[in-house]
N, C-alpha and C. Protein backbone atom coordinates (compact mmCIF):
# COMPACT_ATOMS: atom_id res chain seq x y z
N MET A 1 105.85 -29.42 20.60
CA MET A 1 105.49 -28.22 21.37
C MET A 1 106.62 -27.89 22.37
N GLU A 2 107.05 -26.70 22.40
CA GLU A 2 108.19 -26.30 23.26
C GLU A 2 107.66 -26.04 24.70
N ALA A 3 108.43 -26.48 25.63
CA ALA A 3 108.05 -26.32 27.03
C ALA A 3 108.15 -24.83 27.39
N LYS A 4 107.41 -24.38 28.32
CA LYS A 4 107.36 -23.01 28.78
C LYS A 4 108.65 -22.71 29.59
N THR A 5 109.20 -21.58 29.41
CA THR A 5 110.33 -21.12 30.23
C THR A 5 109.84 -20.11 31.27
N PHE A 6 110.29 -20.28 32.50
CA PHE A 6 109.85 -19.38 33.56
C PHE A 6 111.03 -18.49 33.94
N LYS A 7 110.75 -17.24 34.10
CA LYS A 7 111.84 -16.27 34.44
C LYS A 7 111.97 -16.19 35.96
N VAL A 8 113.24 -16.33 36.43
CA VAL A 8 113.51 -16.20 37.86
C VAL A 8 114.56 -15.12 38.02
N TYR A 9 114.76 -14.67 39.23
CA TYR A 9 115.64 -13.57 39.50
C TYR A 9 116.64 -13.96 40.62
N GLN A 10 117.83 -13.53 40.45
CA GLN A 10 118.87 -13.77 41.51
C GLN A 10 118.51 -13.05 42.81
N ARG A 11 118.76 -13.68 43.93
CA ARG A 11 118.55 -12.96 45.21
C ARG A 11 119.80 -13.15 46.06
N THR A 12 119.97 -12.33 47.06
CA THR A 12 121.13 -12.40 47.93
C THR A 12 120.73 -12.96 49.27
N LYS A 13 121.72 -13.38 50.05
CA LYS A 13 121.47 -13.86 51.40
C LYS A 13 120.98 -12.78 52.31
N ASN A 14 121.23 -11.51 51.97
CA ASN A 14 120.80 -10.42 52.82
C ASN A 14 119.33 -10.05 52.62
N GLU A 15 118.68 -10.52 51.57
CA GLU A 15 117.31 -10.17 51.38
C GLU A 15 116.44 -10.83 52.41
N LYS A 16 115.55 -10.06 52.99
CA LYS A 16 114.63 -10.57 54.03
C LYS A 16 113.58 -11.44 53.37
N ILE A 17 113.50 -12.75 53.81
CA ILE A 17 112.60 -13.73 53.26
C ILE A 17 111.18 -13.26 53.43
N ASN A 18 110.79 -12.75 54.58
CA ASN A 18 109.42 -12.36 54.81
C ASN A 18 109.04 -11.12 53.96
N GLN A 19 110.01 -10.28 53.67
CA GLN A 19 109.78 -9.16 52.77
C GLN A 19 109.47 -9.61 51.34
N LEU A 20 110.25 -10.68 50.91
CA LEU A 20 109.97 -11.20 49.58
C LEU A 20 108.55 -11.74 49.47
N ARG A 21 108.14 -12.46 50.51
CA ARG A 21 106.78 -12.99 50.50
C ARG A 21 105.73 -11.92 50.50
N LYS A 22 105.94 -10.87 51.23
CA LYS A 22 105.02 -9.72 51.21
C LYS A 22 104.95 -9.10 49.80
N ASN A 23 106.00 -9.13 49.09
CA ASN A 23 106.03 -8.57 47.72
C ASN A 23 105.60 -9.65 46.67
N LYS A 24 104.98 -10.73 47.20
CA LYS A 24 104.44 -11.81 46.30
C LYS A 24 105.55 -12.42 45.46
N GLU A 25 106.70 -12.67 46.13
CA GLU A 25 107.81 -13.46 45.53
C GLU A 25 108.10 -14.58 46.43
N ILE A 26 108.48 -15.72 45.86
CA ILE A 26 108.77 -16.90 46.61
C ILE A 26 110.29 -17.18 46.50
N PRO A 27 110.92 -17.42 47.64
CA PRO A 27 112.38 -17.73 47.59
C PRO A 27 112.57 -19.19 47.20
N CYS A 28 113.58 -19.43 46.40
CA CYS A 28 113.89 -20.78 45.94
C CYS A 28 115.40 -20.95 46.00
N VAL A 29 115.83 -22.21 45.88
CA VAL A 29 117.23 -22.49 45.78
C VAL A 29 117.34 -23.51 44.60
N ILE A 30 118.35 -23.34 43.77
CA ILE A 30 118.65 -24.33 42.76
C ILE A 30 120.04 -24.96 43.05
N TYR A 31 120.09 -26.24 43.14
CA TYR A 31 121.34 -26.95 43.43
C TYR A 31 121.48 -28.14 42.53
N GLY A 32 122.64 -28.68 42.46
CA GLY A 32 122.90 -29.85 41.64
C GLY A 32 124.38 -29.97 41.28
N LYS A 33 124.80 -31.11 40.84
CA LYS A 33 126.21 -31.34 40.52
C LYS A 33 126.61 -30.60 39.27
N SER A 34 125.67 -30.20 38.45
CA SER A 34 126.07 -29.42 37.22
C SER A 34 126.37 -27.94 37.53
N LEU A 35 126.19 -27.53 38.77
CA LEU A 35 126.41 -26.16 39.13
C LEU A 35 127.66 -26.06 40.04
N GLU A 36 128.40 -24.97 39.94
CA GLU A 36 129.57 -24.79 40.79
C GLU A 36 129.16 -24.60 42.22
N GLN A 37 128.04 -23.87 42.40
CA GLN A 37 127.48 -23.58 43.79
C GLN A 37 125.96 -23.41 43.65
N SER A 38 125.27 -23.60 44.77
CA SER A 38 123.83 -23.38 44.76
C SER A 38 123.49 -21.95 44.42
N LEU A 39 122.34 -21.78 43.72
CA LEU A 39 121.87 -20.46 43.35
C LEU A 39 120.67 -20.07 44.14
N LEU A 40 120.73 -18.87 44.79
CA LEU A 40 119.59 -18.35 45.51
C LEU A 40 118.76 -17.52 44.52
N ILE A 41 117.50 -17.89 44.37
CA ILE A 41 116.67 -17.19 43.39
C ILE A 41 115.33 -16.82 44.01
N LYS A 42 114.55 -16.07 43.30
CA LYS A 42 113.16 -15.80 43.65
C LYS A 42 112.28 -15.79 42.42
N ILE A 43 111.05 -16.18 42.59
CA ILE A 43 110.13 -16.25 41.43
C ILE A 43 108.85 -15.56 41.87
N ASP A 44 108.21 -14.94 40.91
CA ASP A 44 106.96 -14.25 41.19
C ASP A 44 105.89 -15.34 41.53
N LYS A 45 105.12 -15.05 42.61
CA LYS A 45 104.18 -16.03 43.10
C LYS A 45 103.15 -16.48 42.03
N SER A 46 102.65 -15.50 41.21
CA SER A 46 101.66 -15.84 40.22
C SER A 46 102.28 -16.76 39.14
N GLU A 47 103.55 -16.51 38.81
CA GLU A 47 104.22 -17.34 37.83
C GLU A 47 104.49 -18.75 38.39
N LEU A 48 104.77 -18.81 39.70
CA LEU A 48 104.99 -20.09 40.39
C LEU A 48 103.70 -20.91 40.39
N ILE A 49 102.63 -20.26 40.71
CA ILE A 49 101.31 -20.99 40.79
C ILE A 49 100.96 -21.51 39.42
N ARG A 50 101.16 -20.70 38.35
CA ARG A 50 100.96 -21.12 37.00
C ARG A 50 101.78 -22.36 36.67
N MET A 51 103.09 -22.35 37.09
CA MET A 51 103.93 -23.47 36.86
C MET A 51 103.47 -24.69 37.65
N LEU A 52 103.08 -24.57 38.86
CA LEU A 52 102.67 -25.71 39.60
C LEU A 52 101.36 -26.31 39.14
N ASN A 53 100.50 -25.48 38.54
CA ASN A 53 99.21 -25.95 38.05
C ASN A 53 99.33 -26.51 36.59
N SER A 54 100.50 -26.41 36.02
CA SER A 54 100.64 -26.92 34.62
C SER A 54 100.70 -28.45 34.65
N LYS A 55 100.43 -29.04 33.47
CA LYS A 55 100.37 -30.51 33.37
C LYS A 55 101.76 -31.12 33.44
N ASN A 56 102.78 -30.32 33.22
CA ASN A 56 104.20 -30.86 33.19
C ASN A 56 104.93 -30.63 34.46
N VAL A 57 104.26 -30.48 35.61
CA VAL A 57 104.99 -30.10 36.82
C VAL A 57 105.98 -31.13 37.25
N ASN A 58 105.76 -32.42 36.91
CA ASN A 58 106.66 -33.46 37.37
C ASN A 58 107.75 -33.79 36.30
N SER A 59 107.84 -32.98 35.27
CA SER A 59 108.88 -33.12 34.26
C SER A 59 109.84 -32.00 34.38
N LEU A 60 110.83 -31.95 33.44
CA LEU A 60 111.81 -30.95 33.43
C LEU A 60 111.14 -29.57 33.21
N ILE A 61 111.60 -28.59 34.00
CA ILE A 61 111.08 -27.22 33.87
C ILE A 61 112.32 -26.37 33.50
N THR A 62 112.16 -25.49 32.55
CA THR A 62 113.24 -24.60 32.18
C THR A 62 113.04 -23.24 32.84
N PHE A 63 114.11 -22.80 33.46
CA PHE A 63 114.15 -21.51 34.16
C PHE A 63 115.15 -20.63 33.42
N ARG A 64 114.83 -19.34 33.31
CA ARG A 64 115.75 -18.38 32.68
C ARG A 64 116.23 -17.46 33.78
N LEU A 65 117.57 -17.48 34.02
CA LEU A 65 118.14 -16.62 35.01
C LEU A 65 119.25 -15.80 34.30
N ASN A 66 118.98 -14.51 34.13
CA ASN A 66 119.83 -13.65 33.35
C ASN A 66 119.85 -14.21 31.91
N ARG A 67 120.98 -14.63 31.46
CA ARG A 67 121.06 -15.23 30.10
C ARG A 67 121.21 -16.70 30.06
N LYS A 68 121.18 -17.34 31.25
CA LYS A 68 121.36 -18.81 31.38
C LYS A 68 119.94 -19.47 31.40
N ARG A 69 119.92 -20.59 30.79
CA ARG A 69 118.75 -21.47 30.85
C ARG A 69 119.05 -22.72 31.66
N LEU A 70 118.27 -22.97 32.69
CA LEU A 70 118.57 -24.08 33.62
C LEU A 70 117.35 -25.05 33.54
N LYS A 71 117.67 -26.31 33.30
CA LYS A 71 116.63 -27.37 33.35
C LYS A 71 116.61 -28.00 34.69
N CYS A 72 115.45 -27.95 35.37
CA CYS A 72 115.38 -28.37 36.73
C CYS A 72 114.16 -29.25 36.96
N LEU A 73 114.23 -30.00 38.06
CA LEU A 73 113.11 -30.74 38.63
C LEU A 73 112.74 -30.12 39.97
N ILE A 74 111.49 -30.11 40.27
CA ILE A 74 111.08 -29.59 41.63
C ILE A 74 111.40 -30.74 42.56
N LYS A 75 112.22 -30.44 43.55
CA LYS A 75 112.58 -31.43 44.51
C LYS A 75 111.72 -31.41 45.80
N GLU A 76 111.41 -30.18 46.22
CA GLU A 76 110.56 -30.03 47.42
C GLU A 76 109.78 -28.67 47.35
N VAL A 77 108.55 -28.70 47.75
CA VAL A 77 107.76 -27.51 47.94
C VAL A 77 107.39 -27.42 49.43
N GLN A 78 107.90 -26.36 50.12
CA GLN A 78 107.57 -26.22 51.53
C GLN A 78 106.37 -25.24 51.70
N LYS A 79 105.44 -25.70 52.51
CA LYS A 79 104.19 -24.91 52.68
C LYS A 79 103.94 -24.72 54.21
N ASP A 80 103.24 -23.66 54.53
CA ASP A 80 102.85 -23.44 55.94
C ASP A 80 101.54 -24.13 56.26
N ASN A 81 101.04 -23.90 57.46
CA ASN A 81 99.75 -24.57 57.87
C ASN A 81 98.57 -24.15 57.04
N ASN A 82 98.64 -22.97 56.41
CA ASN A 82 97.57 -22.48 55.55
C ASN A 82 97.74 -22.92 54.12
N HIS A 83 98.73 -23.76 53.82
CA HIS A 83 99.04 -24.24 52.52
C HIS A 83 99.57 -23.18 51.59
N ASP A 84 100.11 -22.08 52.18
CA ASP A 84 100.79 -21.08 51.35
C ASP A 84 102.23 -21.54 51.13
N ILE A 85 102.71 -21.37 49.97
CA ILE A 85 104.10 -21.77 49.60
C ILE A 85 105.12 -20.85 50.25
N LEU A 86 106.05 -21.51 50.97
CA LEU A 86 107.10 -20.79 51.68
C LEU A 86 108.44 -20.78 50.90
N HIS A 87 108.75 -21.94 50.29
CA HIS A 87 110.07 -22.12 49.71
C HIS A 87 110.04 -23.29 48.72
N ILE A 88 110.85 -23.23 47.69
CA ILE A 88 110.94 -24.31 46.70
C ILE A 88 112.41 -24.70 46.56
N ASP A 89 112.65 -26.03 46.51
CA ASP A 89 114.01 -26.56 46.24
C ASP A 89 113.94 -27.16 44.81
N LEU A 90 114.93 -26.74 43.97
CA LEU A 90 114.97 -27.25 42.60
C LEU A 90 116.29 -27.91 42.36
N LEU A 91 116.27 -29.03 41.63
CA LEU A 91 117.43 -29.79 41.32
C LEU A 91 117.78 -29.54 39.85
N CYS A 92 118.96 -28.91 39.62
CA CYS A 92 119.42 -28.66 38.26
C CYS A 92 120.07 -29.86 37.69
N LEU A 93 119.66 -30.22 36.45
CA LEU A 93 120.16 -31.49 35.88
C LEU A 93 121.15 -31.20 34.75
N ASN A 94 122.04 -32.19 34.62
CA ASN A 94 123.02 -32.18 33.56
C ASN A 94 122.47 -33.02 32.42
N LYS A 95 122.50 -32.51 31.16
CA LYS A 95 121.96 -33.21 30.03
C LYS A 95 122.62 -34.57 29.76
N LYS A 96 123.90 -34.65 30.18
CA LYS A 96 124.65 -35.86 29.89
C LYS A 96 124.50 -36.95 30.92
N LYS A 97 123.86 -36.70 32.07
CA LYS A 97 123.73 -37.67 33.16
C LYS A 97 122.30 -38.22 33.20
N VAL A 98 122.19 -39.44 33.60
CA VAL A 98 120.87 -40.10 33.77
C VAL A 98 120.40 -39.90 35.18
N VAL A 99 119.08 -39.61 35.32
CA VAL A 99 118.53 -39.45 36.66
C VAL A 99 117.82 -40.75 36.99
N ILE A 100 118.10 -41.26 38.20
CA ILE A 100 117.48 -42.54 38.62
C ILE A 100 116.52 -42.25 39.74
């Protein structure tokens, strides 16, 4: 069975974070040694909730950004006092390296 791929969108530093949240989008960052630089992205809140409720949330998750496919682990989920998701940190992995 093939793992689900989640579509994410590039965002810029100039985008207002609170405006993203009002539009039901969650800001995220993808980082890792396999990337030249960290990627600022956003994901639709309903898609994110579906992803977090899936059985494979602690395994590799594939994200599609433009034409690239990135395999990531969820590193941190930041929530506010009402348990609403504020931000997600994702660690992009290299297929050739072992994660300890």
